[in-house]
Amino acid sequence: MDENAPHLTPELARAQLEHAASTRVGNDRDRWVHSIAMIAFGLLMGLNHILTDVVGNVVGSGVGTWGLAVVFALVWNWRSRALTVPRHTHVAVAVAFFTTLAVMFPGLDLMRITALEQPWESIVSGPVVAAPMLLAAIWIQIRR
């Protein structure tokens, strides 16, 4: 350790920590980019869920899924152009993604297996699948 370097006192360390915690990470434009991307991801997952229920056949479902995968990749590429990642965005994305999977697979697929699904249930299940991603978009916007 260099004897000429200034020593960090507890008060100075506390002041630096408070300053770092209050500093905004990201700007409004990047926050909007990530929020819009989360909305798009949620809508794509909900739409994919509806399409696989409504179309039902392997060819139509596969074509729809590949089409949505291409749009998903385009949105992902557009989202990656943001200069910064707003604080807590990674947490919001992870929680929303795993919540969506938890809703989609065990809940809705179990309902599909155990009973004959009505067409209105397919349409209602799309927004249910998209809801965690939409809530994450709101979280990214309000969390500063």
N, C-alpha and C. Protein backbone atom coordinates (compact mmCIF):
# COMPACT_ATOMS: atom_id res chain seq x y z
N MET A 1 0.84 -1.18 0.00
CA MET A 1 0.00 0.00 0.00
C MET A 1 0.88 1.24 0.00
N ASP A 2 0.51 2.26 -0.69
CA ASP A 2 1.28 3.49 -0.81
C ASP A 2 1.02 4.38 0.41
N GLU A 3 2.11 4.76 1.08
CA GLU A 3 1.96 5.62 2.27
C GLU A 3 1.52 7.03 1.90
N ASN A 4 1.75 7.47 0.67
CA ASN A 4 1.38 8.83 0.25
C ASN A 4 -0.09 8.94 -0.15
N ALA A 5 -0.75 7.81 -0.35
CA ALA A 5 -2.16 7.84 -0.76
C ALA A 5 -3.03 8.26 0.42
N PRO A 6 -4.08 9.03 0.15
CA PRO A 6 -4.95 9.44 1.25
C PRO A 6 -5.71 8.24 1.80
N HIS A 7 -5.89 8.24 3.11
CA HIS A 7 -6.61 7.15 3.76
C HIS A 7 -8.10 7.42 3.68
N LEU A 8 -8.84 6.36 3.48
CA LEU A 8 -10.29 6.47 3.37
C LEU A 8 -10.89 6.33 4.76
N THR A 9 -11.43 7.41 5.25
CA THR A 9 -12.06 7.39 6.57
C THR A 9 -13.47 6.83 6.45
N PRO A 10 -14.05 6.36 7.54
CA PRO A 10 -15.42 5.84 7.47
C PRO A 10 -16.42 6.90 6.99
N GLU A 11 -16.22 8.14 7.37
CA GLU A 11 -17.13 9.21 6.95
C GLU A 11 -17.03 9.44 5.44
N LEU A 12 -15.79 9.45 4.93
CA LEU A 12 -15.58 9.65 3.49
C LEU A 12 -16.15 8.46 2.71
N ALA A 13 -15.94 7.26 3.21
CA ALA A 13 -16.48 6.07 2.54
C ALA A 13 -18.00 6.11 2.51
N ARG A 14 -18.61 6.51 3.62
CA ARG A 14 -20.07 6.60 3.70
C ARG A 14 -20.60 7.64 2.71
N ALA A 15 -19.91 8.78 2.63
CA ALA A 15 -20.33 9.83 1.69
C ALA A 15 -20.21 9.36 0.25
N GLN A 16 -19.12 8.64 -0.08
CA GLN A 16 -18.96 8.12 -1.44
C GLN A 16 -20.02 7.07 -1.76
N LEU A 17 -20.35 6.25 -0.79
CA LEU A 17 -21.37 5.23 -0.99
C LEU A 17 -22.75 5.86 -1.20
N GLU A 18 -23.08 6.87 -0.43
CA GLU A 18 -24.37 7.56 -0.61
C GLU A 18 -24.44 8.24 -1.97
N HIS A 19 -23.33 8.84 -2.40
CA HIS A 19 -23.30 9.48 -3.72
C HIS A 19 -23.48 8.45 -4.83
N ALA A 20 -22.81 7.30 -4.71
CA ALA A 20 -22.92 6.26 -5.73
C ALA A 20 -24.33 5.68 -5.77
N ALA A 21 -24.96 5.54 -4.62
CA ALA A 21 -26.32 4.99 -4.58
C ALA A 21 -27.34 5.95 -5.15
N SER A 22 -27.08 7.25 -5.05
CA SER A 22 -28.05 8.22 -5.55
C SER A 22 -27.85 8.55 -7.03
N THR A 23 -26.76 8.12 -7.61
CA THR A 23 -26.48 8.41 -9.01
C THR A 23 -27.42 7.59 -9.90
N ARG A 24 -28.03 8.25 -10.86
CA ARG A 24 -28.92 7.56 -11.79
C ARG A 24 -28.11 6.81 -12.81
N VAL A 25 -28.49 5.58 -13.02
CA VAL A 25 -27.86 4.77 -14.05
C VAL A 25 -28.87 4.65 -15.18
N GLY A 26 -28.48 5.03 -16.35
CA GLY A 26 -29.39 5.00 -17.49
C GLY A 26 -30.10 6.32 -17.65
N ASN A 27 -30.66 6.51 -18.82
CA ASN A 27 -31.41 7.74 -19.07
C ASN A 27 -32.82 7.37 -19.49
N ASP A 28 -33.64 8.38 -19.69
CA ASP A 28 -35.05 8.13 -20.01
C ASP A 28 -35.23 7.38 -21.32
N ARG A 29 -34.40 7.71 -22.32
CA ARG A 29 -34.51 7.03 -23.61
C ARG A 29 -34.23 5.53 -23.46
N ASP A 30 -33.17 5.19 -22.73
CA ASP A 30 -32.85 3.77 -22.55
C ASP A 30 -33.91 3.06 -21.72
N ARG A 31 -34.49 3.75 -20.77
CA ARG A 31 -35.57 3.17 -19.97
C ARG A 31 -36.77 2.86 -20.88
N TRP A 32 -37.09 3.77 -21.80
CA TRP A 32 -38.19 3.53 -22.75
C TRP A 32 -37.87 2.39 -23.68
N VAL A 33 -36.63 2.30 -24.15
CA VAL A 33 -36.24 1.21 -25.06
C VAL A 33 -36.45 -0.14 -24.37
N HIS A 34 -35.97 -0.26 -23.14
CA HIS A 34 -36.11 -1.53 -22.43
C HIS A 34 -37.57 -1.82 -22.09
N SER A 35 -38.35 -0.80 -21.76
CA SER A 35 -39.77 -1.02 -21.46
C SER A 35 -40.53 -1.47 -22.69
N ILE A 36 -40.29 -0.82 -23.81
CA ILE A 36 -40.98 -1.21 -25.05
C ILE A 36 -40.57 -2.62 -25.47
N ALA A 37 -39.30 -2.95 -25.28
CA ALA A 37 -38.85 -4.32 -25.59
C ALA A 37 -39.55 -5.33 -24.70
N MET A 38 -39.71 -5.02 -23.43
CA MET A 38 -40.41 -5.95 -22.53
C MET A 38 -41.87 -6.11 -22.94
N ILE A 39 -42.50 -5.02 -23.34
CA ILE A 39 -43.88 -5.10 -23.82
C ILE A 39 -43.95 -5.98 -25.06
N ALA A 40 -43.01 -5.78 -25.98
CA ALA A 40 -42.99 -6.60 -27.20
C ALA A 40 -42.75 -8.07 -26.87
N PHE A 41 -41.83 -8.36 -25.96
CA PHE A 41 -41.58 -9.75 -25.59
C PHE A 41 -42.83 -10.39 -24.97
N GLY A 42 -43.50 -9.65 -24.11
CA GLY A 42 -44.72 -10.17 -23.50
C GLY A 42 -45.81 -10.43 -24.53
N LEU A 43 -45.99 -9.48 -25.43
CA LEU A 43 -47.02 -9.67 -26.47
C LEU A 43 -46.67 -10.83 -27.39
N LEU A 44 -45.38 -10.98 -27.70
CA LEU A 44 -44.97 -12.10 -28.55
C LEU A 44 -45.22 -13.44 -27.87
N MET A 45 -44.91 -13.52 -26.58
CA MET A 45 -45.13 -14.79 -25.87
C MET A 45 -46.63 -15.09 -25.75
N GLY A 46 -47.42 -14.06 -25.47
CA GLY A 46 -48.87 -14.26 -25.40
C GLY A 46 -49.45 -14.65 -26.75
N LEU A 47 -48.99 -13.98 -27.81
CA LEU A 47 -49.46 -14.30 -29.16
C LEU A 47 -49.05 -15.71 -29.56
N ASN A 48 -47.84 -16.10 -29.21
CA ASN A 48 -47.39 -17.45 -29.52
C ASN A 48 -48.26 -18.48 -28.79
N HIS A 49 -48.61 -18.19 -27.57
CA HIS A 49 -49.46 -19.10 -26.81
C HIS A 49 -50.84 -19.23 -27.46
N ILE A 50 -51.41 -18.11 -27.88
CA ILE A 50 -52.72 -18.14 -28.55
C ILE A 50 -52.63 -18.87 -29.87
N LEU A 51 -51.58 -18.58 -30.67
CA LEU A 51 -51.45 -19.22 -31.97
C LEU A 51 -51.31 -20.73 -31.86
N THR A 52 -50.52 -21.21 -30.90
CA THR A 52 -50.38 -22.66 -30.77
C THR A 52 -51.68 -23.31 -30.33
N ASP A 53 -52.51 -22.57 -29.58
CA ASP A 53 -53.82 -23.13 -29.19
C ASP A 53 -54.81 -23.09 -30.35
N VAL A 54 -54.87 -21.97 -31.05
CA VAL A 54 -55.88 -21.79 -32.09
C VAL A 54 -55.55 -22.61 -33.33
N VAL A 55 -54.29 -22.53 -33.79
CA VAL A 55 -53.92 -23.24 -35.02
C VAL A 55 -53.91 -24.73 -34.75
N GLY A 56 -53.19 -25.14 -33.72
CA GLY A 56 -53.26 -26.52 -33.28
C GLY A 56 -52.49 -27.53 -34.10
N ASN A 57 -52.25 -27.31 -35.38
CA ASN A 57 -51.51 -28.31 -36.14
C ASN A 57 -50.01 -28.00 -36.09
N VAL A 58 -49.22 -28.99 -36.39
CA VAL A 58 -47.77 -28.87 -36.26
C VAL A 58 -47.20 -27.86 -37.25
N VAL A 59 -47.66 -27.88 -38.48
CA VAL A 59 -47.11 -26.97 -39.50
C VAL A 59 -47.44 -25.52 -39.17
N GLY A 60 -48.70 -25.24 -38.91
CA GLY A 60 -49.10 -23.87 -38.59
C GLY A 60 -48.46 -23.36 -37.32
N SER A 61 -48.40 -24.22 -36.33
CA SER A 61 -47.79 -23.83 -35.06
C SER A 61 -46.30 -23.59 -35.23
N GLY A 62 -45.64 -24.42 -36.00
CA GLY A 62 -44.20 -24.26 -36.24
C GLY A 62 -43.88 -23.01 -37.02
N VAL A 63 -44.66 -22.73 -38.05
CA VAL A 63 -44.45 -21.52 -38.85
C VAL A 63 -44.69 -20.28 -37.99
N GLY A 64 -45.75 -20.30 -37.20
CA GLY A 64 -46.03 -19.17 -36.32
C GLY A 64 -44.94 -18.96 -35.29
N THR A 65 -44.44 -20.05 -34.73
CA THR A 65 -43.38 -19.95 -33.72
C THR A 65 -42.10 -19.43 -34.34
N TRP A 66 -41.74 -19.89 -35.53
CA TRP A 66 -40.52 -19.39 -36.19
C TRP A 66 -40.67 -17.92 -36.57
N GLY A 67 -41.86 -17.54 -37.03
CA GLY A 67 -42.08 -16.13 -37.35
C GLY A 67 -41.95 -15.25 -36.13
N LEU A 68 -42.52 -15.70 -35.01
CA LEU A 68 -42.40 -14.94 -33.77
C LEU A 68 -40.96 -14.94 -33.26
N ALA A 69 -40.23 -16.03 -33.49
CA ALA A 69 -38.82 -16.07 -33.08
C ALA A 69 -37.99 -15.04 -33.85
N VAL A 70 -38.30 -14.86 -35.13
CA VAL A 70 -37.59 -13.85 -35.92
C VAL A 70 -37.91 -12.46 -35.39
N VAL A 71 -39.16 -12.18 -35.12
CA VAL A 71 -39.54 -10.88 -34.56
C VAL A 71 -38.89 -10.69 -33.19
N PHE A 72 -38.86 -11.74 -32.38
CA PHE A 72 -38.22 -11.69 -31.08
C PHE A 72 -36.74 -11.32 -31.22
N ALA A 73 -36.04 -11.93 -32.18
CA ALA A 73 -34.63 -11.62 -32.41
C ALA A 73 -34.45 -10.18 -32.87
N LEU A 74 -35.34 -9.69 -33.70
CA LEU A 74 -35.26 -8.29 -34.14
C LEU A 74 -35.45 -7.32 -32.98
N VAL A 75 -36.41 -7.61 -32.11
CA VAL A 75 -36.64 -6.76 -30.93
C VAL A 75 -35.44 -6.83 -30.01
N TRP A 76 -34.88 -8.02 -29.83
CA TRP A 76 -33.70 -8.18 -28.98
C TRP A 76 -32.53 -7.35 -29.53
N ASN A 77 -32.34 -7.38 -30.83
CA ASN A 77 -31.27 -6.60 -31.46
C ASN A 77 -31.52 -5.11 -31.28
N TRP A 78 -32.76 -4.68 -31.46
CA TRP A 78 -33.10 -3.27 -31.28
C TRP A 78 -32.88 -2.84 -29.84
N ARG A 79 -33.25 -3.70 -28.88
CA ARG A 79 -33.08 -3.39 -27.47
C ARG A 79 -31.61 -3.27 -27.09
N SER A 80 -30.76 -4.05 -27.72
CA SER A 80 -29.34 -4.04 -27.38
C SER A 80 -28.64 -2.76 -27.84
N ARG A 81 -29.31 -1.94 -28.59
CA ARG A 81 -28.72 -0.67 -29.04
C ARG A 81 -28.82 0.43 -27.99
N ALA A 82 -29.51 0.17 -26.91
CA ALA A 82 -29.57 1.15 -25.82
C ALA A 82 -28.16 1.33 -25.26
N LEU A 83 -27.81 2.55 -24.92
CA LEU A 83 -26.47 2.83 -24.44
C LEU A 83 -26.23 2.29 -23.04
N THR A 84 -27.25 2.30 -22.21
CA THR A 84 -27.12 1.81 -20.85
C THR A 84 -28.27 0.87 -20.52
N VAL A 85 -28.10 0.13 -19.46
CA VAL A 85 -29.16 -0.71 -18.95
C VAL A 85 -29.61 -0.09 -17.63
N PRO A 86 -30.85 0.41 -17.58
CA PRO A 86 -31.31 1.04 -16.34
C PRO A 86 -31.22 0.10 -15.15
N ARG A 87 -31.05 0.68 -14.00
CA ARG A 87 -30.89 -0.08 -12.76
C ARG A 87 -32.10 -1.00 -12.55
N HIS A 88 -31.84 -2.20 -12.12
CA HIS A 88 -32.83 -3.23 -11.78
C HIS A 88 -33.52 -3.84 -13.01
N THR A 89 -33.07 -3.51 -14.20
CA THR A 89 -33.69 -4.07 -15.40
C THR A 89 -33.45 -5.58 -15.49
N HIS A 90 -32.24 -6.01 -15.18
CA HIS A 90 -31.95 -7.45 -15.26
C HIS A 90 -32.81 -8.25 -14.29
N VAL A 91 -33.04 -7.70 -13.12
CA VAL A 91 -33.88 -8.38 -12.13
C VAL A 91 -35.32 -8.46 -12.65
N ALA A 92 -35.82 -7.35 -13.18
CA ALA A 92 -37.19 -7.32 -13.70
C ALA A 92 -37.37 -8.31 -14.85
N VAL A 93 -36.38 -8.38 -15.73
CA VAL A 93 -36.45 -9.30 -16.87
C VAL A 93 -36.46 -10.75 -16.38
N ALA A 94 -35.57 -11.08 -15.46
CA ALA A 94 -35.49 -12.45 -14.97
C ALA A 94 -36.76 -12.87 -14.25
N VAL A 95 -37.26 -12.01 -13.37
CA VAL A 95 -38.48 -12.34 -12.63
C VAL A 95 -39.66 -12.49 -13.59
N ALA A 96 -39.77 -11.58 -14.55
CA ALA A 96 -40.88 -11.65 -15.51
C ALA A 96 -40.80 -12.90 -16.37
N PHE A 97 -39.60 -13.23 -16.82
CA PHE A 97 -39.44 -14.40 -17.69
C PHE A 97 -39.81 -15.68 -16.95
N PHE A 98 -39.28 -15.86 -15.75
CA PHE A 98 -39.56 -17.09 -15.02
C PHE A 98 -41.01 -17.14 -14.53
N THR A 99 -41.60 -16.00 -14.24
CA THR A 99 -43.01 -15.97 -13.87
C THR A 99 -43.87 -16.36 -15.07
N THR A 100 -43.50 -15.85 -16.24
CA THR A 100 -44.23 -16.22 -17.47
C THR A 100 -44.15 -17.72 -17.71
N LEU A 101 -42.95 -18.28 -17.56
CA LEU A 101 -42.81 -19.73 -17.74
C LEU A 101 -43.62 -20.50 -16.69
N ALA A 102 -43.63 -19.99 -15.46
CA ALA A 102 -44.39 -20.67 -14.41
C ALA A 102 -45.89 -20.62 -14.68
N VAL A 103 -46.35 -19.55 -15.30
CA VAL A 103 -47.76 -19.44 -15.65
C VAL A 103 -48.07 -20.31 -16.86
N MET A 104 -47.18 -20.25 -17.84
CA MET A 104 -47.44 -20.90 -19.12
C MET A 104 -47.44 -22.42 -19.02
N PHE A 105 -46.40 -22.98 -18.50
CA PHE A 105 -46.26 -24.42 -18.59
C PHE A 105 -47.08 -25.19 -17.57
N PRO A 106 -46.83 -25.05 -16.30
CA PRO A 106 -47.60 -25.90 -15.39
C PRO A 106 -49.08 -25.52 -15.34
N GLY A 107 -49.37 -24.23 -15.27
CA GLY A 107 -50.75 -23.81 -15.10
C GLY A 107 -51.61 -24.00 -16.33
N LEU A 108 -51.25 -23.33 -17.40
CA LEU A 108 -52.10 -23.35 -18.59
C LEU A 108 -52.01 -24.66 -19.36
N ASP A 109 -50.84 -25.28 -19.38
CA ASP A 109 -50.74 -26.56 -20.09
C ASP A 109 -51.43 -27.67 -19.32
N LEU A 110 -51.42 -27.61 -18.00
CA LEU A 110 -52.15 -28.59 -17.21
C LEU A 110 -53.65 -28.44 -17.47
N MET A 111 -54.12 -27.20 -17.59
CA MET A 111 -55.52 -26.96 -17.91
C MET A 111 -55.84 -27.54 -19.29
N ARG A 112 -54.93 -27.40 -20.21
CA ARG A 112 -55.13 -27.89 -21.57
C ARG A 112 -55.19 -29.42 -21.60
N ILE A 113 -54.40 -30.07 -20.77
CA ILE A 113 -54.35 -31.53 -20.77
C ILE A 113 -55.57 -32.13 -20.09
N THR A 114 -55.99 -31.54 -18.98
CA THR A 114 -57.04 -32.16 -18.17
C THR A 114 -58.45 -31.92 -18.69
N ALA A 115 -58.66 -30.87 -19.44
CA ALA A 115 -60.02 -30.59 -19.90
C ALA A 115 -59.98 -30.10 -21.35
N LEU A 116 -61.08 -30.22 -22.00
CA LEU A 116 -61.17 -29.68 -23.34
C LEU A 116 -61.22 -28.16 -23.24
N GLU A 117 -60.28 -27.55 -23.90
CA GLU A 117 -60.18 -26.09 -23.80
C GLU A 117 -61.13 -25.43 -24.80
N GLN A 118 -61.82 -24.43 -24.32
CA GLN A 118 -62.73 -23.66 -25.16
C GLN A 118 -61.94 -22.57 -25.88
N PRO A 119 -62.43 -22.09 -27.03
CA PRO A 119 -61.71 -21.03 -27.76
C PRO A 119 -61.51 -19.77 -26.94
N TRP A 120 -62.47 -19.38 -26.11
CA TRP A 120 -62.32 -18.17 -25.33
C TRP A 120 -61.20 -18.32 -24.30
N GLU A 121 -60.95 -19.55 -23.83
CA GLU A 121 -59.87 -19.76 -22.88
C GLU A 121 -58.52 -19.51 -23.52
N SER A 122 -58.39 -19.85 -24.79
CA SER A 122 -57.14 -19.58 -25.51
C SER A 122 -56.90 -18.08 -25.62
N ILE A 123 -57.94 -17.34 -25.90
CA ILE A 123 -57.80 -15.89 -26.06
C ILE A 123 -57.52 -15.23 -24.71
N VAL A 124 -58.12 -15.73 -23.64
CA VAL A 124 -57.88 -15.16 -22.31
C VAL A 124 -56.48 -15.52 -21.81
N SER A 125 -55.99 -16.70 -22.19
CA SER A 125 -54.68 -17.13 -21.70
C SER A 125 -53.53 -16.30 -22.27
N GLY A 126 -53.71 -15.70 -23.43
CA GLY A 126 -52.65 -14.86 -24.02
C GLY A 126 -52.26 -13.68 -23.14
N PRO A 127 -53.23 -12.87 -22.71
CA PRO A 127 -52.88 -11.77 -21.79
C PRO A 127 -52.34 -12.25 -20.44
N VAL A 128 -52.79 -13.41 -19.98
CA VAL A 128 -52.27 -13.95 -18.73
C VAL A 128 -50.79 -14.28 -18.88
N VAL A 129 -50.42 -14.83 -20.03
CA VAL A 129 -49.01 -15.14 -20.30
C VAL A 129 -48.21 -13.85 -20.45
N ALA A 130 -48.79 -12.83 -21.07
CA ALA A 130 -48.07 -11.57 -21.32
C ALA A 130 -47.97 -10.68 -20.09
N ALA A 131 -48.84 -10.88 -19.11
CA ALA A 131 -48.92 -9.97 -17.95
C ALA A 131 -47.61 -9.77 -17.20
N PRO A 132 -46.83 -10.82 -16.89
CA PRO A 132 -45.58 -10.56 -16.15
C PRO A 132 -44.61 -9.66 -16.91
N MET A 133 -44.54 -9.81 -18.21
CA MET A 133 -43.64 -8.96 -19.01
C MET A 133 -44.15 -7.52 -19.04
N LEU A 134 -45.46 -7.35 -19.12
CA LEU A 134 -46.02 -6.00 -19.12
C LEU A 134 -45.79 -5.33 -17.76
N LEU A 135 -45.92 -6.09 -16.69
CA LEU A 135 -45.64 -5.54 -15.36
C LEU A 135 -44.16 -5.19 -15.21
N ALA A 136 -43.29 -5.99 -15.81
CA ALA A 136 -41.85 -5.68 -15.77
C ALA A 136 -41.56 -4.38 -16.52
N ALA A 137 -42.26 -4.14 -17.62
CA ALA A 137 -42.07 -2.89 -18.36
C ALA A 137 -42.47 -1.69 -17.50
N ILE A 138 -43.55 -1.83 -16.77
CA ILE A 138 -43.97 -0.75 -15.86
C ILE A 138 -42.93 -0.57 -14.76
N TRP A 139 -42.43 -1.67 -14.23
CA TRP A 139 -41.41 -1.62 -13.17
C TRP A 139 -40.16 -0.89 -13.66
N ILE A 140 -39.73 -1.16 -14.87
CA ILE A 140 -38.54 -0.51 -15.43
C ILE A 140 -38.78 0.99 -15.54
N GLN A 141 -40.00 1.38 -15.91
CA GLN A 141 -40.31 2.80 -16.07
C GLN A 141 -40.35 3.54 -14.74
N ILE A 142 -40.94 2.94 -13.71
CA ILE A 142 -41.12 3.68 -12.46
C ILE A 142 -39.90 3.56 -11.56
N ARG A 143 -39.07 2.57 -11.77
CA ARG A 143 -37.89 2.37 -10.91
C ARG A 143 -36.77 3.24 -11.41
N ARG A 144 -36.31 4.18 -10.63
CA ARG A 144 -35.26 5.09 -11.06
C ARG A 144 -34.03 4.86 -10.29
